[in-house]
Amino acid sequence: ESPYGNTKRICEDIIRDSVKAYGSINAIALRYFNPIG
């Protein structure tokens, strides 16, 4: 819905492709909902 949201999609894709290509990196993406407090 926004460029911000799109950067998160793109960054996830960059991580996924990098992990697959290079083999030396492990990554976990945490998809947050709405942090408060």
PDB file of all heavy atoms in Angstrom:
ATOM      1  N   GLU A   1       0.821  -1.210   0.000  1.00  0.00           N
ATOM      2  CA  GLU A   1       0.000   0.000   0.000  1.00  0.00           C
ATOM      3  C   GLU A   1       0.860   1.269   0.000  1.00  0.00           C
ATOM      4  O   GLU A   1       0.363   2.359  -0.197  1.00  0.00           O
ATOM      5  CB  GLU A   1      -0.911   0.010   1.235  1.00  0.00           C
ATOM      6  CG  GLU A   1      -1.906  -1.142   1.307  1.00  0.00           C
ATOM      7  CD  GLU A   1      -3.114  -0.930   0.429  1.00  0.00           C
ATOM      8  OE1 GLU A   1      -3.425   0.228   0.105  1.00  0.00           O
ATOM      9  OE2 GLU A   1      -3.745  -1.936   0.044  1.00  0.00           O
ATOM     10  N   SER A   2       2.163   1.109   0.263  1.00  0.00           N
ATOM     11  CA  SER A   2       3.040   2.284   0.374  1.00  0.00           C
ATOM     12  C   SER A   2       4.459   1.901  -0.009  1.00  0.00           C
ATOM     13  O   SER A   2       4.826   0.720   0.034  1.00  0.00           O
ATOM     14  CB  SER A   2       3.045   2.800   1.821  1.00  0.00           C
ATOM     15  OG  SER A   2       3.702   1.859   2.669  1.00  0.00           O
ATOM     16  N   PRO A   3       5.281   2.894  -0.369  1.00  0.00           N
ATOM     17  CA  PRO A   3       6.698   2.603  -0.606  1.00  0.00           C
ATOM     18  C   PRO A   3       7.364   1.963   0.611  1.00  0.00           C
ATOM     19  O   PRO A   3       8.206   1.068   0.459  1.00  0.00           O
ATOM     20  CB  PRO A   3       7.284   3.980  -0.917  1.00  0.00           C
ATOM     21  CG  PRO A   3       6.156   4.729  -1.545  1.00  0.00           C
ATOM     22  CD  PRO A   3       4.935   4.281  -0.779  1.00  0.00           C
ATOM     23  N   TYR A   4       6.995   2.390   1.822  1.00  0.00           N
ATOM     24  CA  TYR A   4       7.561   1.761   3.031  1.00  0.00           C
ATOM     25  C   TYR A   4       7.292   0.252   3.013  1.00  0.00           C
ATOM     26  O   TYR A   4       8.205  -0.567   3.177  1.00  0.00           O
ATOM     27  CB  TYR A   4       6.973   2.378   4.301  1.00  0.00           C
ATOM     28  CG  TYR A   4       7.178   1.489   5.508  1.00  0.00           C
ATOM     29  CD1 TYR A   4       8.442   1.343   6.070  1.00  0.00           C
ATOM     30  CD2 TYR A   4       6.118   0.755   6.049  1.00  0.00           C
ATOM     31  CE1 TYR A   4       8.643   0.489   7.144  1.00  0.00           C
ATOM     32  CE2 TYR A   4       6.315  -0.098   7.119  1.00  0.00           C
ATOM     33  CZ  TYR A   4       7.579  -0.233   7.668  1.00  0.00           C
ATOM     34  OH  TYR A   4       7.770  -1.089   8.723  1.00  0.00           O
ATOM     35  N   GLY A   5       6.008  -0.112   2.843  1.00  0.00           N
ATOM     36  CA  GLY A   5       5.658  -1.527   2.813  1.00  0.00           C
ATOM     37  C   GLY A   5       6.377  -2.265   1.703  1.00  0.00           C
ATOM     38  O   GLY A   5       6.812  -3.417   1.874  1.00  0.00           O
ATOM     39  N   ASN A   6       6.551  -1.599   0.568  1.00  0.00           N
ATOM     40  CA  ASN A   6       7.241  -2.231  -0.557  1.00  0.00           C
ATOM     41  C   ASN A   6       8.710  -2.472  -0.245  1.00  0.00           C
ATOM     42  O   ASN A   6       9.287  -3.481  -0.677  1.00  0.00           O
ATOM     43  CB  ASN A   6       7.090  -1.366  -1.811  1.00  0.00           C
ATOM     44  CG  ASN A   6       7.262  -2.164  -3.085  1.00  0.00           C
ATOM     45  OD1 ASN A   6       6.963  -3.361  -3.130  1.00  0.00           O
ATOM     46  ND2 ASN A   6       7.746  -1.524  -4.130  1.00  0.00           N
ATOM     47  N   THR A   7       9.345  -1.564   0.511  1.00  0.00           N
ATOM     48  CA  THR A   7      10.751  -1.805   0.882  1.00  0.00           C
ATOM     49  C   THR A   7      10.880  -3.066   1.724  1.00  0.00           C
ATOM     50  O   THR A   7      11.876  -3.785   1.612  1.00  0.00           O
ATOM     51  CB  THR A   7      11.385  -0.616   1.639  1.00  0.00           C
ATOM     52  OG1 THR A   7      10.755  -0.430   2.916  1.00  0.00           O
ATOM     53  CG2 THR A   7      11.332   0.664   0.834  1.00  0.00           C
ATOM     54  N   LYS A   8       9.900  -3.346   2.574  1.00  0.00           N
ATOM     55  CA  LYS A   8       9.959  -4.569   3.384  1.00  0.00           C
ATOM     56  C   LYS A   8       9.832  -5.814   2.505  1.00  0.00           C
ATOM     57  O   LYS A   8      10.547  -6.808   2.692  1.00  0.00           O
ATOM     58  CB  LYS A   8       8.871  -4.554   4.459  1.00  0.00           C
ATOM     59  CG  LYS A   8       9.082  -3.504   5.541  1.00  0.00           C
ATOM     60  CD  LYS A   8      10.377  -3.705   6.299  1.00  0.00           C
ATOM     61  CE  LYS A   8      10.583  -2.698   7.407  1.00  0.00           C
ATOM     62  NZ  LYS A   8      11.905  -2.812   8.066  1.00  0.00           N
ATOM     63  N   ARG A   9       8.942  -5.768   1.524  1.00  0.00           N
ATOM     64  CA  ARG A   9       8.808  -6.880   0.570  1.00  0.00           C
ATOM     65  C   ARG A   9      10.119  -7.085  -0.196  1.00  0.00           C
ATOM     66  O   ARG A   9      10.614  -8.210  -0.329  1.00  0.00           O
ATOM     67  CB  ARG A   9       7.705  -6.580  -0.456  1.00  0.00           C
ATOM     68  CG  ARG A   9       6.294  -6.810   0.008  1.00  0.00           C
ATOM     69  CD  ARG A   9       5.324  -6.234  -1.023  1.00  0.00           C
ATOM     70  NE  ARG A   9       5.650  -6.643  -2.386  1.00  0.00           N
ATOM     71  CZ  ARG A   9       5.046  -7.646  -3.035  1.00  0.00           C
ATOM     72  NH1 ARG A   9       4.106  -8.342  -2.442  1.00  0.00           N
ATOM     73  NH2 ARG A   9       5.383  -7.933  -4.267  1.00  0.00           N
ATOM     74  N   ILE A  10      10.665  -5.977  -0.720  1.00  0.00           N
ATOM     75  CA  ILE A  10      11.899  -6.056  -1.513  1.00  0.00           C
ATOM     76  C   ILE A  10      13.048  -6.569  -0.657  1.00  0.00           C
ATOM     77  O   ILE A  10      13.839  -7.422  -1.092  1.00  0.00           O
ATOM     78  CB  ILE A  10      12.233  -4.678  -2.120  1.00  0.00           C
ATOM     79  CG1 ILE A  10      11.182  -4.293  -3.177  1.00  0.00           C
ATOM     80  CG2 ILE A  10      13.631  -4.686  -2.738  1.00  0.00           C
ATOM     81  CD1 ILE A  10      11.244  -2.832  -3.594  1.00  0.00           C
ATOM     82  N   CYS A  11      13.150  -6.065   0.567  1.00  0.00           N
ATOM     83  CA  CYS A  11      14.244  -6.506   1.451  1.00  0.00           C
ATOM     84  C   CYS A  11      14.130  -7.996   1.770  1.00  0.00           C
ATOM     85  O   CYS A  11      15.143  -8.710   1.793  1.00  0.00           O
ATOM     86  CB  CYS A  11      14.259  -5.676   2.736  1.00  0.00           C
ATOM     87  SG  CYS A  11      14.912  -4.002   2.513  1.00  0.00           S
ATOM     88  N   GLU A  12      12.911  -8.473   2.002  1.00  0.00           N
ATOM     89  CA  GLU A  12      12.737  -9.916   2.223  1.00  0.00           C
ATOM     90  C   GLU A  12      13.226 -10.703   1.006  1.00  0.00           C
ATOM     91  O   GLU A  12      13.887 -11.739   1.143  1.00  0.00           O
ATOM     92  CB  GLU A  12      11.267 -10.251   2.489  1.00  0.00           C
ATOM     93  CG  GLU A  12      10.792  -9.946   3.898  1.00  0.00           C
ATOM     94  CD  GLU A  12       9.432 -10.570   4.197  1.00  0.00           C
ATOM     95  OE1 GLU A  12       8.922 -11.346   3.352  1.00  0.00           O
ATOM     96  OE2 GLU A  12       8.873 -10.280   5.274  1.00  0.00           O
ATOM     97  N   ASP A  13      12.911 -10.205  -0.189  1.00  0.00           N
ATOM     98  CA  ASP A  13      13.329 -10.889  -1.415  1.00  0.00           C
ATOM     99  C   ASP A  13      14.851 -10.866  -1.570  1.00  0.00           C
ATOM    100  O   ASP A  13      15.458 -11.861  -1.992  1.00  0.00           O
ATOM    101  CB  ASP A  13      12.674 -10.245  -2.635  1.00  0.00           C
ATOM    102  CG  ASP A  13      11.164 -10.489  -2.691  1.00  0.00           C
ATOM    103  OD1 ASP A  13      10.688 -11.396  -1.989  1.00  0.00           O
ATOM    104  OD2 ASP A  13      10.471  -9.746  -3.420  1.00  0.00           O
ATOM    105  N   ILE A  14      15.465  -9.740  -1.228  1.00  0.00           N
ATOM    106  CA  ILE A  14      16.931  -9.640  -1.300  1.00  0.00           C
ATOM    107  C   ILE A  14      17.572 -10.651  -0.352  1.00  0.00           C
ATOM    108  O   ILE A  14      18.545 -11.337  -0.704  1.00  0.00           O
ATOM    109  CB  ILE A  14      17.395  -8.204  -0.961  1.00  0.00           C
ATOM    110  CG1 ILE A  14      17.003  -7.233  -2.084  1.00  0.00           C
ATOM    111  CG2 ILE A  14      18.906  -8.166  -0.718  1.00  0.00           C
ATOM    112  CD1 ILE A  14      17.188  -5.773  -1.718  1.00  0.00           C
ATOM    113  N   ILE A  15      17.028 -10.763   0.853  1.00  0.00           N
ATOM    114  CA  ILE A  15      17.567 -11.715   1.825  1.00  0.00           C
ATOM    115  C   ILE A  15      17.388 -13.143   1.316  1.00  0.00           C
ATOM    116  O   ILE A  15      18.326 -13.954   1.336  1.00  0.00           O
ATOM    117  CB  ILE A  15      16.882 -11.535   3.196  1.00  0.00           C
ATOM    118  CG1 ILE A  15      17.225 -10.174   3.795  1.00  0.00           C
ATOM    119  CG2 ILE A  15      17.311 -12.647   4.149  1.00  0.00           C
ATOM    120  CD1 ILE A  15      16.369  -9.780   4.988  1.00  0.00           C
ATOM    121  N   ARG A  16      16.179 -13.456   0.841  1.00  0.00           N
ATOM    122  CA  ARG A  16      15.895 -14.820   0.352  1.00  0.00           C
ATOM    123  C   ARG A  16      16.866 -15.199  -0.776  1.00  0.00           C
ATOM    124  O   ARG A  16      17.450 -16.285  -0.781  1.00  0.00           O
ATOM    125  CB  ARG A  16      14.451 -14.897  -0.137  1.00  0.00           C
ATOM    126  CG  ARG A  16      14.032 -16.289  -0.605  1.00  0.00           C
ATOM    127  CD  ARG A  16      12.586 -16.308  -1.073  1.00  0.00           C
ATOM    128  NE  ARG A  16      11.658 -16.171   0.039  1.00  0.00           N
ATOM    129  CZ  ARG A  16      10.952 -15.062   0.314  1.00  0.00           C
ATOM    130  NH1 ARG A  16      11.068 -13.997  -0.471  1.00  0.00           N
ATOM    131  NH2 ARG A  16      10.135 -15.011   1.333  1.00  0.00           N
ATOM    132  N   ASP A  17      17.047 -14.282  -1.731  1.00  0.00           N
ATOM    133  CA  ASP A  17      17.934 -14.565  -2.870  1.00  0.00           C
ATOM    134  C   ASP A  17      19.390 -14.671  -2.429  1.00  0.00           C
ATOM    135  O   ASP A  17      20.146 -15.514  -2.948  1.00  0.00           O
ATOM    136  CB  ASP A  17      17.792 -13.470  -3.929  1.00  0.00           C
ATOM    137  CG  ASP A  17      16.427 -13.484  -4.611  1.00  0.00           C
ATOM    138  OD1 ASP A  17      15.720 -14.501  -4.506  1.00  0.00           O
ATOM    139  OD2 ASP A  17      16.062 -12.460  -5.235  1.00  0.00           O
ATOM    140  N   SER A  18      19.799 -13.843  -1.484  1.00  0.00           N
ATOM    141  CA  SER A  18      21.191 -13.857  -1.018  1.00  0.00           C
ATOM    142  C   SER A  18      21.503 -15.143  -0.260  1.00  0.00           C
ATOM    143  O   SER A  18      22.562 -15.763  -0.458  1.00  0.00           O
ATOM    144  CB  SER A  18      21.455 -12.641  -0.113  1.00  0.00           C
ATOM    145  OG  SER A  18      21.284 -11.436  -0.831  1.00  0.00           O
ATOM    146  N   VAL A  19      20.577 -15.537   0.608  1.00  0.00           N
ATOM    147  CA  VAL A  19      20.758 -16.782   1.365  1.00  0.00           C
ATOM    148  C   VAL A  19      20.893 -17.971   0.413  1.00  0.00           C
ATOM    149  O   VAL A  19      21.754 -18.838   0.576  1.00  0.00           O
ATOM    150  CB  VAL A  19      19.565 -16.969   2.344  1.00  0.00           C
ATOM    151  CG1 VAL A  19      19.499 -18.404   2.848  1.00  0.00           C
ATOM    152  CG2 VAL A  19      19.668 -15.993   3.505  1.00  0.00           C
ATOM    153  N   LYS A  20      20.044 -17.986  -0.610  1.00  0.00           N
ATOM    154  CA  LYS A  20      20.049 -19.087  -1.588  1.00  0.00           C
ATOM    155  C   LYS A  20      21.340 -19.097  -2.401  1.00  0.00           C
ATOM    156  O   LYS A  20      21.930 -20.160  -2.656  1.00  0.00           O
ATOM    157  CB  LYS A  20      18.838 -18.923  -2.510  1.00  0.00           C
ATOM    158  CG  LYS A  20      18.647 -20.067  -3.494  1.00  0.00           C
ATOM    159  CD  LYS A  20      17.381 -19.844  -4.306  1.00  0.00           C
ATOM    160  CE  LYS A  20      17.187 -20.949  -5.339  1.00  0.00           C
ATOM    161  NZ  LYS A  20      15.972 -20.702  -6.149  1.00  0.00           N
ATOM    162  N   ALA A  21      21.803 -17.917  -2.785  1.00  0.00           N
ATOM    163  CA  ALA A  21      22.960 -17.831  -3.680  1.00  0.00           C
ATOM    164  C   ALA A  21      24.288 -18.093  -2.969  1.00  0.00           C
ATOM    165  O   ALA A  21      25.169 -18.750  -3.517  1.00  0.00           O
ATOM    166  CB  ALA A  21      23.000 -16.458  -4.352  1.00  0.00           C
ATOM    167  N   TYR A  22      24.411 -17.571  -1.760  1.00  0.00           N
ATOM    168  CA  TYR A  22      25.736 -17.556  -1.132  1.00  0.00           C
ATOM    169  C   TYR A  22      25.963 -18.692  -0.144  1.00  0.00           C
ATOM    170  O   TYR A  22      27.102 -19.053   0.131  1.00  0.00           O
ATOM    171  CB  TYR A  22      25.987 -16.204  -0.460  1.00  0.00           C
ATOM    172  CG  TYR A  22      25.832 -15.041  -1.411  1.00  0.00           C
ATOM    173  CD1 TYR A  22      25.032 -13.947  -1.095  1.00  0.00           C
ATOM    174  CD2 TYR A  22      26.463 -15.040  -2.656  1.00  0.00           C
ATOM    175  CE1 TYR A  22      24.873 -12.887  -1.975  1.00  0.00           C
ATOM    176  CE2 TYR A  22      26.308 -13.990  -3.548  1.00  0.00           C
ATOM    177  CZ  TYR A  22      25.503 -12.914  -3.193  1.00  0.00           C
ATOM    178  OH  TYR A  22      25.339 -11.877  -4.064  1.00  0.00           O
ATOM    179  N   GLY A  23      24.903 -19.204   0.445  1.00  0.00           N
ATOM    180  CA  GLY A  23      25.055 -20.389   1.286  1.00  0.00           C
ATOM    181  C   GLY A  23      25.708 -20.169   2.635  1.00  0.00           C
ATOM    182  O   GLY A  23      25.669 -21.050   3.490  1.00  0.00           O
ATOM    183  N   SER A  24      26.290 -19.005   2.846  1.00  0.00           N
ATOM    184  CA  SER A  24      27.019 -18.774   4.103  1.00  0.00           C
ATOM    185  C   SER A  24      26.196 -17.965   5.115  1.00  0.00           C
ATOM    186  O   SER A  24      26.671 -17.672   6.201  1.00  0.00           O
ATOM    187  CB  SER A  24      28.318 -18.017   3.810  1.00  0.00           C
ATOM    188  OG  SER A  24      28.028 -16.774   3.174  1.00  0.00           O
ATOM    189  N   ILE A  25      24.976 -17.602   4.726  1.00  0.00           N
ATOM    190  CA  ILE A  25      24.156 -16.726   5.565  1.00  0.00           C
ATOM    191  C   ILE A  25      22.852 -17.425   5.937  1.00  0.00           C
ATOM    192  O   ILE A  25      22.207 -18.048   5.089  1.00  0.00           O
ATOM    193  CB  ILE A  25      23.835 -15.406   4.829  1.00  0.00           C
ATOM    194  CG1 ILE A  25      25.119 -14.616   4.559  1.00  0.00           C
ATOM    195  CG2 ILE A  25      22.854 -14.543   5.632  1.00  0.00           C
ATOM    196  CD1 ILE A  25      24.927 -13.430   3.637  1.00  0.00           C
ATOM    197  N   ASN A  26      22.500 -17.327   7.205  1.00  0.00           N
ATOM    198  CA  ASN A  26      21.177 -17.726   7.686  1.00  0.00           C
ATOM    199  C   ASN A  26      20.417 -16.468   8.073  1.00  0.00           C
ATOM    200  O   ASN A  26      21.006 -15.532   8.616  1.00  0.00           O
ATOM    201  CB  ASN A  26      21.284 -18.628   8.918  1.00  0.00           C
ATOM    202  CG  ASN A  26      21.984 -19.931   8.622  1.00  0.00           C
ATOM    203  OD1 ASN A  26      21.681 -20.591   7.641  1.00  0.00           O
ATOM    204  ND2 ASN A  26      22.945 -20.290   9.462  1.00  0.00           N
ATOM    205  N   ALA A  27      19.120 -16.460   7.811  1.00  0.00           N
ATOM    206  CA  ALA A  27      18.341 -15.269   8.152  1.00  0.00           C
ATOM    207  C   ALA A  27      16.935 -15.651   8.606  1.00  0.00           C
ATOM    208  O   ALA A  27      16.345 -16.614   8.115  1.00  0.00           O
ATOM    209  CB  ALA A  27      18.257 -14.324   6.953  1.00  0.00           C
ATOM    210  N   ILE A  28      16.440 -14.883   9.557  1.00  0.00           N
ATOM    211  CA  ILE A  28      15.056 -14.999  10.010  1.00  0.00           C
ATOM    212  C   ILE A  28      14.417 -13.621   9.886  1.00  0.00           C
ATOM    213  O   ILE A  28      14.955 -12.637  10.394  1.00  0.00           O
ATOM    214  CB  ILE A  28      14.963 -15.490  11.464  1.00  0.00           C
ATOM    215  CG1 ILE A  28      15.429 -16.948  11.570  1.00  0.00           C
ATOM    216  CG2 ILE A  28      13.528 -15.359  11.998  1.00  0.00           C
ATOM    217  CD1 ILE A  28      15.445 -17.502  12.983  1.00  0.00           C
ATOM    218  N   ALA A  29      13.289 -13.561   9.178  1.00  0.00           N
ATOM    219  CA  ALA A  29      12.527 -12.314   9.085  1.00  0.00           C
ATOM    220  C   ALA A  29      11.353 -12.403  10.057  1.00  0.00           C
ATOM    221  O   ALA A  29      10.578 -13.367  10.019  1.00  0.00           O
ATOM    222  CB  ALA A  29      12.025 -12.096   7.664  1.00  0.00           C
ATOM    223  N   LEU A  30      11.238 -11.412  10.927  1.00  0.00           N
ATOM    224  CA  LEU A  30      10.116 -11.334  11.860  1.00  0.00           C
ATOM    225  C   LEU A  30       9.129 -10.303  11.331  1.00  0.00           C
ATOM    226  O   LEU A  30       9.472  -9.126  11.187  1.00  0.00           O
ATOM    227  CB  LEU A  30      10.601 -10.939  13.262  1.00  0.00           C
ATOM    228  CG  LEU A  30      11.622 -11.884  13.909  1.00  0.00           C
ATOM    229  CD1 LEU A  30      11.987 -11.384  15.305  1.00  0.00           C
ATOM    230  CD2 LEU A  30      11.105 -13.320  13.971  1.00  0.00           C
ATOM    231  N   ARG A  31       7.941 -10.767  11.009  1.00  0.00           N
ATOM    232  CA  ARG A  31       6.902  -9.860  10.503  1.00  0.00           C
ATOM    233  C   ARG A  31       6.085  -9.347  11.689  1.00  0.00           C
ATOM    234  O   ARG A  31       5.221 -10.042  12.221  1.00  0.00           O
ATOM    235  CB  ARG A  31       6.015 -10.591   9.486  1.00  0.00           C
ATOM    236  CG  ARG A  31       6.755 -10.899   8.189  1.00  0.00           C
ATOM    237  CD  ARG A  31       5.896 -11.726   7.237  1.00  0.00           C
ATOM    238  NE  ARG A  31       6.619 -11.970   5.976  1.00  0.00           N
ATOM    239  CZ  ARG A  31       6.280 -12.902   5.092  1.00  0.00           C
ATOM    240  NH1 ARG A  31       5.224 -13.675   5.328  1.00  0.00           N
ATOM    241  NH2 ARG A  31       6.976 -13.060   3.989  1.00  0.00           N
ATOM    242  N   TYR A  32       6.402  -8.113  12.094  1.00  0.00           N
ATOM    243  CA  TYR A  32       5.736  -7.529  13.260  1.00  0.00           C
ATOM    244  C   TYR A  32       4.323  -7.102  12.907  1.00  0.00           C
ATOM    245  O   TYR A  32       4.067  -6.602  11.815  1.00  0.00           O
ATOM    246  CB  TYR A  32       6.428  -6.248  13.744  1.00  0.00           C
ATOM    247  CG  TYR A  32       7.901  -6.262  13.891  1.00  0.00           C
ATOM    248  CD1 TYR A  32       8.612  -5.071  13.796  1.00  0.00           C
ATOM    249  CD2 TYR A  32       8.613  -7.428  14.131  1.00  0.00           C
ATOM    250  CE1 TYR A  32       9.986  -5.042  13.939  1.00  0.00           C
ATOM    251  CE2 TYR A  32       9.981  -7.405  14.274  1.00  0.00           C
ATOM    252  CZ  TYR A  32      10.666  -6.208  14.171  1.00  0.00           C
ATOM    253  OH  TYR A  32      12.028  -6.182  14.306  1.00  0.00           O
ATOM    254  N   PHE A  33       3.470  -7.187  13.928  1.00  0.00           N
ATOM    255  CA  PHE A  33       2.162  -6.562  13.799  1.00  0.00           C
ATOM    256  C   PHE A  33       2.270  -5.172  14.456  1.00  0.00           C
ATOM    257  O   PHE A  33       3.172  -4.422  14.075  1.00  0.00           O
ATOM    258  CB  PHE A  33       1.081  -7.520  14.308  1.00  0.00           C
ATOM    259  CG  PHE A  33       0.802  -8.576  13.257  1.00  0.00           C
ATOM    260  CD1 PHE A  33       1.754  -9.542  12.926  1.00  0.00           C
ATOM    261  CD2 PHE A  33      -0.353  -8.542  12.517  1.00  0.00           C
ATOM    262  CE1 PHE A  33       1.542 -10.458  11.906  1.00  0.00           C
ATOM    263  CE2 PHE A  33      -0.582  -9.452  11.495  1.00  0.00           C
ATOM    264  CZ  PHE A  33       0.367 -10.412  11.184  1.00  0.00           C
ATOM    265  N   ASN A  34       1.496  -4.753  15.391  1.00  0.00           N
ATOM    266  CA  ASN A  34       1.527  -3.350  15.837  1.00  0.00           C
ATOM    267  C   ASN A  34       2.117  -3.216  17.238  1.00  0.00           C
ATOM    268  O   ASN A  34       1.398  -3.415  18.231  1.00  0.00           O
ATOM    269  CB  ASN A  34       0.108  -2.760  15.805  1.00  0.00           C
ATOM    270  CG  ASN A  34      -0.391  -2.549  14.393  1.00  0.00           C
ATOM    271  OD1 ASN A  34      -0.568  -3.506  13.660  1.00  0.00           O
ATOM    272  ND2 ASN A  34      -0.595  -1.310  14.006  1.00  0.00           N
ATOM    273  N   PRO A  35       3.406  -2.876  17.345  1.00  0.00           N
ATOM    274  CA  PRO A  35       4.025  -2.767  18.675  1.00  0.00           C
ATOM    275  C   PRO A  35       3.562  -1.519  19.426  1.00  0.00           C
ATOM    276  O   PRO A  35       3.488  -0.435  18.853  1.00  0.00           O
ATOM    277  CB  PRO A  35       5.524  -2.691  18.368  1.00  0.00           C
ATOM    278  CG  PRO A  35       5.628  -2.256  16.949  1.00  0.00           C
ATOM    279  CD  PRO A  35       4.387  -2.703  16.257  1.00  0.00           C
ATOM    280  N   ILE A  36       3.247  -1.712  20.703  1.00  0.00           N
ATOM    281  CA  ILE A  36       2.841  -0.590  21.567  1.00  0.00           C
ATOM    282  C   ILE A  36       3.421  -0.795  22.967  1.00  0.00           C
ATOM    283  O   ILE A  36       3.905  -1.869  23.304  1.00  0.00           O
ATOM    284  CB  ILE A  36       1.297  -0.446  21.666  1.00  0.00           C
ATOM    285  CG1 ILE A  36       0.648  -1.726  22.206  1.00  0.00           C
ATOM    286  CG2 ILE A  36       0.700  -0.048  20.325  1.00  0.00           C
ATOM    287  CD1 ILE A  36      -0.832  -1.585  22.532  1.00  0.00           C
ATOM    288  N   GLY A  37       3.347   0.273  23.779  1.00  0.00           N
ATOM    289  CA  GLY A  37       3.773   0.172  25.170  1.00  0.00           C
ATOM    290  C   GLY A  37       5.200   0.635  25.380  1.00  0.00           C
ATOM    291  O   GLY A  37       5.842   1.205  24.491  1.00  0.00           O
TER     292      GLY A  37
END
